Amino acid sequence: MSCFQRRHIAAAVMVVVSLLPAPAALADTSTNAEVNQEGLFGMIEISSANLSALPQWQHVVKSFPELATAAAECDARIQACQSQQMTLWRAKIAELMRTDKRIQLQEINRFLNGWKHTADIKEGVTDSRWATPLEFIPNGGRSEDFAIMKYVSLKELGFSPLAMRIVVTNDVLRNKSHTILSVSLRGKRFILDSLSDTILNENLVRYYVPLYSVNEKRRWAHIPRDFLSVQLAQGVKVDE
């Protein structure tokens, strides 16, 4: 690992630390947290069902019923579609409804990557407001907004929310935060990225260090193995 990579991993660890429970909570995984030794990108994960630490995600999730209503109205009567982009999205969902899951992943990623991109901010991503899907559809957005739109699209196509995660990462090549969507399918994890129309197996993606991830049920802190070893050496007990 280069010195350049180490510097960015160190920065990622600082963000992870802010998301970790207190040591007492780490010790009581039976009630508050779960530890997974084989997490995203080979890292250790500590997860929690408490989503209150991510208000920007809670805001987005609360908007899902409004999206469902608008989509149903658009499907029923084209004149009721809120925008041309809404019409195009609904047509793509209908087109893909009976196709293979692997094709759905590829096509949703490619299709939505055609939306307008606005720049990610380099710092303070956890404090920035995430756009709801209804805001994204006519306007485009940042990388997290693309990941969210792909999440709701695949969910409508039958993917379980439990198989998907919005993943906020540190992009070590561009020295900035970047958000992607991770999807589990047939025993493999695939990465859907607003910067690429090609979906890749997770084990082929080496330039993103996950900071945290979330779906509608849980959130995860991603921890380098060396960092957790230090915590254990300092007396924090983590039950596996």
C-alpha atoms as a PDB file:
ATOM      1  CA  MET A   1       0.000   0.000   0.000  1.00  0.00           C
ATOM      2  CA  SER A   2       1.383   3.410  -0.952  1.00  0.00           C
ATOM      3  CA  CYS A   3       1.802   6.368   1.409  1.00  0.00           C
ATOM      4  CA  PHE A   4      -0.840   8.139  -0.676  1.00  0.00           C
ATOM      5  CA  GLN A   5      -3.371   5.378   0.024  1.00  0.00           C
ATOM      6  CA  ARG A   6      -2.469   5.279   3.738  1.00  0.00           C
ATOM      7  CA  ARG A   7      -3.173   9.002   4.100  1.00  0.00           C
ATOM      8  CA  HIS A   8      -6.650   8.629   2.643  1.00  0.00           C
ATOM      9  CA  ILE A   9      -7.449   5.518   4.645  1.00  0.00           C
ATOM     10  CA  ALA A  10      -6.458   7.439   7.776  1.00  0.00           C
ATOM     11  CA  ALA A  11      -8.908  10.178   6.800  1.00  0.00           C
ATOM     12  CA  ALA A  12     -11.596   7.568   6.255  1.00  0.00           C
ATOM     13  CA  VAL A  13     -10.976   6.087   9.692  1.00  0.00           C
ATOM     14  CA  MET A  14     -11.640   9.468  11.312  1.00  0.00           C
ATOM     15  CA  VAL A  15     -15.100   9.541   9.736  1.00  0.00           C
ATOM     16  CA  VAL A  16     -15.757   5.944  10.762  1.00  0.00           C
ATOM     17  CA  VAL A  17     -14.823   6.708  14.355  1.00  0.00           C
ATOM     18  CA  SER A  18     -17.519   9.385  14.508  1.00  0.00           C
ATOM     19  CA  LEU A  19     -20.109   6.785  13.518  1.00  0.00           C
ATOM     20  CA  LEU A  20     -19.036   4.077  15.941  1.00  0.00           C
ATOM     21  CA  PRO A  21     -21.000   3.374  19.100  1.00  0.00           C
ATOM     22  CA  ALA A  22     -19.359   4.019  22.430  1.00  0.00           C
ATOM     23  CA  PRO A  23     -17.130   1.177  23.702  1.00  0.00           C
ATOM     24  CA  ALA A  24     -19.906  -0.081  26.009  1.00  0.00           C
ATOM     25  CA  ALA A  25     -22.218  -0.454  23.033  1.00  0.00           C
ATOM     26  CA  LEU A  26     -19.541  -2.288  21.059  1.00  0.00           C
ATOM     27  CA  ALA A  27     -19.250  -4.775  23.871  1.00  0.00           C
ATOM     28  CA  ASP A  28     -22.994  -5.451  23.853  1.00  0.00           C
ATOM     29  CA  THR A  29     -23.542  -6.602  20.288  1.00  0.00           C
ATOM     30  CA  SER A  30     -26.557  -8.682  21.311  1.00  0.00           C
ATOM     31  CA  THR A  31     -28.729  -5.596  21.665  1.00  0.00           C
ATOM     32  CA  ASN A  32     -27.136  -2.714  19.781  1.00  0.00           C
ATOM     33  CA  ALA A  33     -24.700  -3.837  17.116  1.00  0.00           C
ATOM     34  CA  GLU A  34     -23.640  -6.714  14.926  1.00  0.00           C
ATOM     35  CA  VAL A  35     -20.124  -7.422  13.745  1.00  0.00           C
ATOM     36  CA  ASN A  36     -19.394  -8.874  10.317  1.00  0.00           C
ATOM     37  CA  GLN A  37     -15.812  -9.915   9.605  1.00  0.00           C
ATOM     38  CA  GLU A  38     -16.469 -10.177   5.844  1.00  0.00           C
ATOM     39  CA  GLY A  39     -17.887  -6.765   5.115  1.00  0.00           C
ATOM     40  CA  LEU A  40     -17.903  -4.605   2.009  1.00  0.00           C
ATOM     41  CA  PHE A  41     -14.527  -4.322   0.273  1.00  0.00           C
ATOM     42  CA  GLY A  42     -13.067  -6.847   2.725  1.00  0.00           C
ATOM     43  CA  MET A  43     -13.465  -4.596   5.741  1.00  0.00           C
ATOM     44  CA  ILE A  44     -14.950  -5.353   9.147  1.00  0.00           C
ATOM     45  CA  GLU A  45     -18.449  -3.947   9.637  1.00  0.00           C
ATOM     46  CA  ILE A  46     -20.290  -2.910  12.766  1.00  0.00           C
ATOM     47  CA  SER A  47     -23.984  -2.433  12.094  1.00  0.00           C
ATOM     48  CA  SER A  48     -26.923  -0.961  13.945  1.00  0.00           C
ATOM     49  CA  ALA A  49     -30.666  -0.743  13.352  1.00  0.00           C
ATOM     50  CA  ASN A  50     -30.658   2.806  14.728  1.00  0.00           C
ATOM     51  CA  LEU A  51     -30.819   5.171  11.738  1.00  0.00           C
ATOM     52  CA  SER A  52     -31.169   8.363  13.773  1.00  0.00           C
ATOM     53  CA  ALA A  53     -27.515   9.253  13.159  1.00  0.00           C
ATOM     54  CA  LEU A  54     -28.301   9.687   9.452  1.00  0.00           C
ATOM     55  CA  PRO A  55     -31.112  12.280   9.258  1.00  0.00           C
ATOM     56  CA  GLN A  56     -30.430  12.968   5.578  1.00  0.00           C
ATOM     57  CA  TRP A  57     -31.244   9.313   4.805  1.00  0.00           C
ATOM     58  CA  GLN A  58     -34.304   9.331   7.062  1.00  0.00           C
ATOM     59  CA  HIS A  59     -35.571  12.369   5.142  1.00  0.00           C
ATOM     60  CA  VAL A  60     -35.173  10.497   1.848  1.00  0.00           C
ATOM     61  CA  VAL A  61     -36.897   7.344   3.118  1.00  0.00           C
ATOM     62  CA  LYS A  62     -39.870   9.375   4.349  1.00  0.00           C
ATOM     63  CA  SER A  63     -40.307  10.641   0.775  1.00  0.00           C
ATOM     64  CA  PHE A  64     -40.724   7.150  -0.730  1.00  0.00           C
ATOM     65  CA  PRO A  65     -44.551   7.032  -0.350  1.00  0.00           C
ATOM     66  CA  GLU A  66     -44.843  10.345  -2.214  1.00  0.00           C
ATOM     67  CA  LEU A  67     -42.663   8.931  -4.987  1.00  0.00           C
ATOM     68  CA  ALA A  68     -44.841   5.806  -5.194  1.00  0.00           C
ATOM     69  CA  THR A  69     -47.978   7.930  -5.523  1.00  0.00           C
ATOM     70  CA  ALA A  70     -46.475  10.104  -8.269  1.00  0.00           C
ATOM     71  CA  ALA A  71     -45.215   7.024 -10.138  1.00  0.00           C
ATOM     72  CA  ALA A  72     -48.621   5.321  -9.965  1.00  0.00           C
ATOM     73  CA  GLU A  73     -50.351   8.444 -11.283  1.00  0.00           C
ATOM     74  CA  CYS A  74     -47.848   8.692 -14.143  1.00  0.00           C
ATOM     75  CA  ASP A  75     -48.312   5.011 -15.004  1.00  0.00           C
ATOM     76  CA  ALA A  76     -52.080   5.401 -15.063  1.00  0.00           C
ATOM     77  CA  ARG A  77     -52.192   8.559 -17.171  1.00  0.00           C
ATOM     78  CA  ILE A  78     -49.246  10.040 -19.036  1.00  0.00           C
ATOM     79  CA  GLN A  79     -50.675  13.548 -18.672  1.00  0.00           C
ATOM     80  CA  ALA A  80     -50.266  13.152 -14.900  1.00  0.00           C
ATOM     81  CA  CYS A  81     -46.491  12.648 -15.145  1.00  0.00           C
ATOM     82  CA  GLN A  82     -44.757  15.491 -13.354  1.00  0.00           C
ATOM     83  CA  SER A  83     -42.001  15.906 -15.965  1.00  0.00           C
ATOM     84  CA  GLN A  84     -40.607  14.449 -19.150  1.00  0.00           C
ATOM     85  CA  GLN A  85     -37.902  12.798 -17.055  1.00  0.00           C
ATOM     86  CA  MET A  86     -40.579  11.112 -14.913  1.00  0.00           C
ATOM     87  CA  THR A  87     -42.188   9.751 -18.096  1.00  0.00           C
ATOM     88  CA  LEU A  88     -38.841   8.362 -19.288  1.00  0.00           C
ATOM     89  CA  TRP A  89     -38.127   6.740 -15.911  1.00  0.00           C
ATOM     90  CA  ARG A  90     -41.525   5.068 -15.780  1.00  0.00           C
ATOM     91  CA  ALA A  91     -41.087   3.753 -19.332  1.00  0.00           C
ATOM     92  CA  LYS A  92     -37.700   2.262 -18.419  1.00  0.00           C
ATOM     93  CA  ILE A  93     -39.126   0.552 -15.330  1.00  0.00           C
ATOM     94  CA  ALA A  94     -41.924  -0.967 -17.414  1.00  0.00           C
ATOM     95  CA  GLU A  95     -39.431  -2.096 -20.076  1.00  0.00           C
ATOM     96  CA  LEU A  96     -37.223  -3.879 -17.539  1.00  0.00           C
ATOM     97  CA  MET A  97     -39.910  -5.410 -15.354  1.00  0.00           C
ATOM     98  CA  ARG A  98     -39.634  -8.922 -16.831  1.00  0.00           C
ATOM     99  CA  THR A  99     -35.958  -8.999 -17.742  1.00  0.00           C
ATOM    100  CA  ASP A 100     -33.156 -10.883 -15.989  1.00  0.00           C
ATOM    101  CA  LYS A 101     -31.901  -9.344 -12.745  1.00  0.00           C
ATOM    102  CA  ARG A 102     -28.376  -8.952 -14.107  1.00  0.00           C
ATOM    103  CA  ILE A 103     -29.731  -7.006 -17.087  1.00  0.00           C
ATOM    104  CA  GLN A 104     -31.810  -4.858 -14.750  1.00  0.00           C
ATOM    105  CA  LEU A 105     -28.674  -3.892 -12.822  1.00  0.00           C
ATOM    106  CA  GLN A 106     -26.796  -2.979 -15.989  1.00  0.00           C
ATOM    107  CA  GLU A 107     -29.631  -1.048 -17.590  1.00  0.00           C
ATOM    108  CA  ILE A 108     -30.695   0.916 -14.519  1.00  0.00           C
ATOM    109  CA  ASN A 109     -27.080   1.937 -13.920  1.00  0.00           C
ATOM    110  CA  ARG A 110     -26.539   3.008 -17.534  1.00  0.00           C
ATOM    111  CA  PHE A 111     -29.931   4.710 -17.893  1.00  0.00           C
ATOM    112  CA  LEU A 112     -29.752   6.813 -14.738  1.00  0.00           C
ATOM    113  CA  ASN A 113     -26.137   7.783 -15.358  1.00  0.00           C
ATOM    114  CA  GLY A 114     -27.510   9.854 -18.234  1.00  0.00           C
ATOM    115  CA  TRP A 115     -29.098  12.275 -15.759  1.00  0.00           C
ATOM    116  CA  LYS A 116     -27.458  15.633 -14.984  1.00  0.00           C
ATOM    117  CA  HIS A 117     -24.448  15.378 -12.655  1.00  0.00           C
ATOM    118  CA  THR A 118     -23.673  18.069 -10.107  1.00  0.00           C
ATOM    119  CA  ALA A 119     -20.362  18.147  -8.271  1.00  0.00           C
ATOM    120  CA  ASP A 120     -19.835  16.255  -5.015  1.00  0.00           C
ATOM    121  CA  ILE A 121     -18.505  18.403  -2.209  1.00  0.00           C
ATOM    122  CA  LYS A 122     -15.119  17.303  -0.912  1.00  0.00           C
ATOM    123  CA  GLU A 123     -15.821  17.596   2.777  1.00  0.00           C
ATOM    124  CA  GLY A 124     -18.824  17.480   5.080  1.00  0.00           C
ATOM    125  CA  VAL A 125     -20.768  14.942   3.034  1.00  0.00           C
ATOM    126  CA  THR A 126     -22.405  13.552   6.167  1.00  0.00           C
ATOM    127  CA  ASP A 127     -23.878  17.018   6.823  1.00  0.00           C
ATOM    128  CA  SER A 128     -25.082  17.739   3.302  1.00  0.00           C
ATOM    129  CA  ARG A 129     -28.695  17.335   2.285  1.00  0.00           C
ATOM    130  CA  TRP A 130     -29.519  14.353   0.093  1.00  0.00           C
ATOM    131  CA  ALA A 131     -32.079  14.917  -2.664  1.00  0.00           C
ATOM    132  CA  THR A 132     -35.268  12.881  -2.639  1.00  0.00           C
ATOM    133  CA  PRO A 133     -36.003  10.865  -5.806  1.00  0.00           C
ATOM    134  CA  LEU A 134     -38.742  13.324  -6.784  1.00  0.00           C
ATOM    135  CA  GLU A 135     -36.174  16.127  -6.566  1.00  0.00           C
ATOM    136  CA  PHE A 136     -33.564  14.125  -8.482  1.00  0.00           C
ATOM    137  CA  ILE A 137     -35.817  13.131 -11.395  1.00  0.00           C
ATOM    138  CA  PRO A 138     -36.180  16.616 -12.939  1.00  0.00           C
ATOM    139  CA  ASN A 139     -32.868  18.050 -11.719  1.00  0.00           C
ATOM    140  CA  GLY A 140     -30.191  15.366 -11.449  1.00  0.00           C
ATOM    141  CA  GLY A 141     -27.851  15.503  -8.490  1.00  0.00           C
ATOM    142  CA  ARG A 142     -24.664  14.387  -6.776  1.00  0.00           C
ATOM    143  CA  SER A 143     -23.327  10.850  -6.489  1.00  0.00           C
ATOM    144  CA  GLU A 144     -25.438  10.036  -3.411  1.00  0.00           C
ATOM    145  CA  ASP A 145     -28.579  11.115  -5.265  1.00  0.00           C
ATOM    146  CA  PHE A 146     -27.731   8.797  -8.183  1.00  0.00           C
ATOM    147  CA  ALA A 147     -27.211   5.916  -5.754  1.00  0.00           C
ATOM    148  CA  ILE A 148     -30.569   6.594  -4.085  1.00  0.00           C
ATOM    149  CA  MET A 149     -32.398   6.748  -7.420  1.00  0.00           C
ATOM    150  CA  LYS A 150     -30.853   3.428  -8.460  1.00  0.00           C
ATOM    151  CA  TYR A 151     -31.848   1.963  -5.090  1.00  0.00           C
ATOM    152  CA  VAL A 152     -35.533   2.891  -5.466  1.00  0.00           C
ATOM    153  CA  SER A 153     -35.575   1.799  -9.124  1.00  0.00           C
ATOM    154  CA  LEU A 154     -34.175  -1.644  -8.366  1.00  0.00           C
ATOM    155  CA  LYS A 155     -36.474  -1.960  -5.377  1.00  0.00           C
ATOM    156  CA  GLU A 156     -39.424  -1.410  -7.680  1.00  0.00           C
ATOM    157  CA  LEU A 157     -38.048  -4.080 -10.010  1.00  0.00           C
ATOM    158  CA  GLY A 158     -38.135  -6.602  -7.185  1.00  0.00           C
ATOM    159  CA  PHE A 159     -34.730  -6.292  -5.503  1.00  0.00           C
ATOM    160  CA  SER A 160     -34.934  -6.570  -1.739  1.00  0.00           C
ATOM    161  CA  PRO A 161     -33.748  -3.528   0.217  1.00  0.00           C
ATOM    162  CA  LEU A 162     -31.781  -6.020   2.314  1.00  0.00           C
ATOM    163  CA  ALA A 163     -29.659  -6.794  -0.776  1.00  0.00           C
ATOM    164  CA  MET A 164     -28.751  -3.155  -1.389  1.00  0.00           C
ATOM    165  CA  ARG A 165     -26.776  -0.440   0.360  1.00  0.00           C
ATOM    166  CA  ILE A 166     -26.026   3.203  -0.250  1.00  0.00           C
ATOM    167  CA  VAL A 167     -22.255   3.332   0.394  1.00  0.00           C
ATOM    168  CA  VAL A 168     -20.437   6.587   1.177  1.00  0.00           C
ATOM    169  CA  THR A 169     -16.776   6.093   0.326  1.00  0.00           C
ATOM    170  CA  ASN A 170     -13.466   7.865   0.177  1.00  0.00           C
ATOM    171  CA  ASP A 171     -12.305   7.934  -3.436  1.00  0.00           C
ATOM    172  CA  VAL A 172      -8.543   7.602  -3.011  1.00  0.00           C
ATOM    173  CA  LEU A 173      -7.856   8.401  -6.662  1.00  0.00           C
ATOM    174  CA  ARG A 174      -9.686  11.745  -6.699  1.00  0.00           C
ATOM    175  CA  ASN A 175      -9.180  12.667  -3.025  1.00  0.00           C
ATOM    176  CA  LYS A 176     -12.864  13.254  -2.308  1.00  0.00           C
ATOM    177  CA  SER A 177     -15.969  11.565  -0.999  1.00  0.00           C
ATOM    178  CA  HIS A 178     -18.078   9.601  -3.454  1.00  0.00           C
ATOM    179  CA  THR A 179     -21.241   7.546  -3.015  1.00  0.00           C
ATOM    180  CA  ILE A 180     -22.060   4.307  -4.816  1.00  0.00           C
ATOM    181  CA  LEU A 181     -24.691   1.573  -4.651  1.00  0.00           C
ATOM    182  CA  SER A 182     -23.745  -1.970  -3.630  1.00  0.00           C
ATOM    183  CA  VAL A 183     -26.125  -4.741  -4.712  1.00  0.00           C
ATOM    184  CA  SER A 184     -25.932  -8.418  -3.755  1.00  0.00           C
ATOM    185  CA  LEU A 185     -27.072 -10.806  -6.477  1.00  0.00           C
ATOM    186  CA  ARG A 186     -26.546 -14.559  -6.736  1.00  0.00           C
ATOM    187  CA  GLY A 187     -23.814 -14.641  -4.138  1.00  0.00           C
ATOM    188  CA  LYS A 188     -21.829 -11.707  -5.537  1.00  0.00           C
ATOM    189  CA  ARG A 189     -21.729  -8.012  -4.717  1.00  0.00           C
ATOM    190  CA  PHE A 190     -21.887  -5.545  -7.590  1.00  0.00           C
ATOM    191  CA  ILE A 191     -21.025  -1.845  -7.585  1.00  0.00           C
ATOM    192  CA  LEU A 192     -23.230   0.645  -9.428  1.00  0.00           C
ATOM    193  CA  ASP A 193     -21.341   3.900  -9.890  1.00  0.00           C
ATOM    194  CA  SER A 194     -22.465   7.226 -11.342  1.00  0.00           C
ATOM    195  CA  LEU A 195     -18.984   7.554 -12.879  1.00  0.00           C
ATOM    196  CA  SER A 196     -19.192   4.340 -14.912  1.00  0.00           C
ATOM    197  CA  ASP A 197     -21.841   2.613 -17.011  1.00  0.00           C
ATOM    198  CA  THR A 198     -20.145  -0.725 -16.324  1.00  0.00           C
ATOM    199  CA  ILE A 199     -21.157  -2.581 -13.197  1.00  0.00           C
ATOM    200  CA  LEU A 200     -18.239  -4.341 -11.541  1.00  0.00           C
ATOM    201  CA  ASN A 201     -17.810  -7.147  -9.071  1.00  0.00           C
ATOM    202  CA  GLU A 202     -16.850  -5.570  -5.777  1.00  0.00           C
ATOM    203  CA  ASN A 203     -13.541  -7.446  -5.651  1.00  0.00           C
ATOM    204  CA  LEU A 204     -12.414  -5.615  -8.805  1.00  0.00           C
ATOM    205  CA  VAL A 205     -12.941  -2.160  -7.297  1.00  0.00           C
ATOM    206  CA  ARG A 206      -9.804  -1.045  -5.446  1.00  0.00           C
ATOM    207  CA  TYR A 207     -10.110   2.738  -5.349  1.00  0.00           C
ATOM    208  CA  TYR A 208     -13.007   3.237  -2.907  1.00  0.00           C
ATOM    209  CA  VAL A 209     -12.640   2.981   0.870  1.00  0.00           C
ATOM    210  CA  PRO A 210     -16.125   2.623   2.439  1.00  0.00           C
ATOM    211  CA  LEU A 211     -16.852   4.993   5.312  1.00  0.00           C
ATOM    212  CA  TYR A 212     -20.432   3.982   6.071  1.00  0.00           C
ATOM    213  CA  SER A 213     -23.381   2.381   4.319  1.00  0.00           C
ATOM    214  CA  VAL A 214     -27.117   2.239   4.868  1.00  0.00           C
ATOM    215  CA  ASN A 215     -30.402   0.788   3.674  1.00  0.00           C
ATOM    216  CA  GLU A 216     -33.923   1.042   5.066  1.00  0.00           C
ATOM    217  CA  LYS A 217     -33.203  -1.442   7.851  1.00  0.00           C
ATOM    218  CA  ARG A 218     -29.635  -0.905   9.079  1.00  0.00           C
ATOM    219  CA  ARG A 219     -26.515   1.226   8.902  1.00  0.00           C
ATOM    220  CA  TRP A 220     -22.913   0.026   8.917  1.00  0.00           C
ATOM    221  CA  ALA A 221     -19.573   1.522   9.947  1.00  0.00           C
ATOM    222  CA  HIS A 222     -16.698   0.074   7.916  1.00  0.00           C
ATOM    223  CA  ILE A 223     -13.472  -0.415   9.788  1.00  0.00           C
ATOM    224  CA  PRO A 224      -9.992  -1.366   8.548  1.00  0.00           C
ATOM    225  CA  ARG A 225      -8.818  -4.531  10.284  1.00  0.00           C
ATOM    226  CA  ASP A 226      -5.693  -2.830  11.631  1.00  0.00           C
ATOM    227  CA  PHE A 227      -7.815  -0.138  13.288  1.00  0.00           C
ATOM    228  CA  LEU A 228     -10.048  -2.689  15.022  1.00  0.00           C
ATOM    229  CA  SER A 229      -6.985  -4.543  16.271  1.00  0.00           C
ATOM    230  CA  VAL A 230      -5.865  -1.360  18.024  1.00  0.00           C
ATOM    231  CA  GLN A 231      -9.302  -0.980  19.636  1.00  0.00           C
ATOM    232  CA  LEU A 232      -9.195  -4.571  20.875  1.00  0.00           C
ATOM    233  CA  ALA A 233      -5.712  -4.039  22.280  1.00  0.00           C
ATOM    234  CA  GLN A 234      -7.059  -1.074  24.249  1.00  0.00           C
ATOM    235  CA  GLY A 235      -9.636  -3.249  25.944  1.00  0.00           C
ATOM    236  CA  VAL A 236     -12.758  -2.953  23.789  1.00  0.00           C
ATOM    237  CA  LYS A 237     -14.300  -6.418  23.575  1.00  0.00           C
ATOM    238  CA  VAL A 238     -16.321  -7.232  20.462  1.00  0.00           C
ATOM    239  CA  ASP A 239     -18.358 -10.436  20.437  1.00  0.00           C
ATOM    240  CA  GLU A 240     -18.474 -12.142  17.052  1.00  0.00           C
END
